[in-house]
């Protein structure tokens, strides 16, 4: 009976010390959403920047086309 009680007390002590040692440790999954959100934000920023460049390129092409049309019109008027 004494051995049984000693084993029970030892197991309770071991369980308690194990739980206490890991109670304050941060979970690995807790920082993952922050990193994921940061990566998504960076990706969205890069996408917006690429879209802005595309829009600027389209505007430049439109302006060049308009200029070419105006020059063509001038040449036609000279003839």
Protein backbone atom coordinates (compact mmCIF):
# COMPACT_ATOMS: atom_id res chain seq x y z
CA UNK A 1 0.00 0.00 0.00
CA UNK A 2 2.84 2.37 0.81
CA UNK A 3 4.38 1.75 -2.63
CA UNK A 4 1.05 2.47 -4.30
CA UNK A 5 0.67 5.77 -2.44
CA UNK A 6 4.28 6.70 -3.21
CA UNK A 7 3.74 6.00 -6.92
CA UNK A 8 0.53 8.03 -6.90
CA UNK A 9 2.18 11.03 -5.20
CA UNK A 10 5.18 10.81 -7.54
CA UNK A 11 2.97 10.74 -10.61
CA UNK A 12 0.93 13.72 -9.38
CA UNK A 13 4.13 15.64 -8.69
CA UNK A 14 5.50 14.81 -12.14
CA UNK A 15 2.25 15.82 -13.84
CA UNK A 16 2.10 19.09 -11.91
CA UNK A 17 5.69 20.03 -12.66
CA UNK A 18 5.26 19.18 -16.35
CA UNK A 19 2.12 21.34 -16.63
CA UNK A 20 3.77 24.22 -14.76
CA UNK A 21 6.82 24.15 -17.01
CA UNK A 22 4.71 24.47 -20.15
CA UNK A 23 2.00 26.84 -18.93
CA UNK A 24 3.81 30.06 -19.87
CA UNK A 25 5.40 28.87 -23.08
CA UNK A 26 3.98 30.59 -26.17
CA UNK A 27 2.24 28.38 -28.65
CA UNK A 28 3.86 28.04 -32.06
CA UNK A 29 0.53 28.53 -33.83
CA UNK A 30 -0.11 31.90 -32.20
CA UNK A 31 2.49 33.75 -34.26
CA UNK A 32 1.56 32.06 -37.54
CA UNK A 33 -1.54 34.22 -38.23
CA UNK A 34 0.49 37.39 -37.74
CA UNK A 35 3.13 36.25 -40.18
CA UNK A 36 0.46 35.14 -42.63
CA UNK A 37 -1.35 38.49 -42.37
CA UNK A 38 1.93 40.32 -42.90
CA UNK A 39 2.70 38.24 -46.00
CA UNK A 40 -0.80 38.86 -47.38
CA UNK A 41 -0.43 42.59 -46.81
CA UNK A 42 2.93 42.60 -48.59
CA UNK A 43 1.48 40.63 -51.50
CA UNK A 44 -1.50 43.00 -51.78
CA UNK A 45 0.85 45.97 -51.80
CA UNK A 46 2.94 44.41 -54.56
CA UNK A 47 -0.19 43.64 -56.59
CA UNK A 48 -1.43 47.22 -56.21
CA UNK A 49 1.94 48.54 -57.29
CA UNK A 50 1.94 46.29 -60.38
CA UNK A 51 -1.60 47.40 -61.26
CA UNK A 52 -0.56 51.02 -60.90
CA UNK A 53 2.35 50.46 -63.29
CA UNK A 54 0.01 48.74 -65.74
CA UNK A 55 -2.45 51.62 -65.56
CA UNK A 56 0.37 54.10 -66.15
CA UNK A 57 1.57 52.09 -69.15
CA UNK A 58 -1.95 52.04 -70.58
CA UNK A 59 -2.27 55.80 -70.10
CA UNK A 60 1.08 56.34 -71.85
CA UNK A 61 0.02 54.14 -74.75
CA UNK A 62 -3.27 56.00 -75.02
CA UNK A 63 -1.47 59.34 -75.06
CA UNK A 64 0.97 58.11 -77.69
CA UNK A 65 -1.90 56.87 -79.83
CA UNK A 66 -3.66 60.21 -79.46
CA UNK A 67 -0.50 62.08 -80.47
CA UNK A 68 0.00 59.83 -83.49
CA UNK A 69 -3.59 60.41 -84.55
CA UNK A 70 -3.15 64.18 -84.21
CA UNK A 71 0.04 64.09 -86.29
CA UNK A 72 -1.69 62.02 -88.94
CA UNK A 73 -4.54 64.53 -89.01
CA UNK A 74 -2.09 67.40 -89.46
CA UNK A 75 -0.38 65.64 -92.36
CA UNK A 76 -3.74 64.99 -94.00
CA UNK A 77 -4.68 68.67 -93.58
CA UNK A 78 -1.39 69.79 -95.21
CA UNK A 79 -2.10 67.75 -98.35
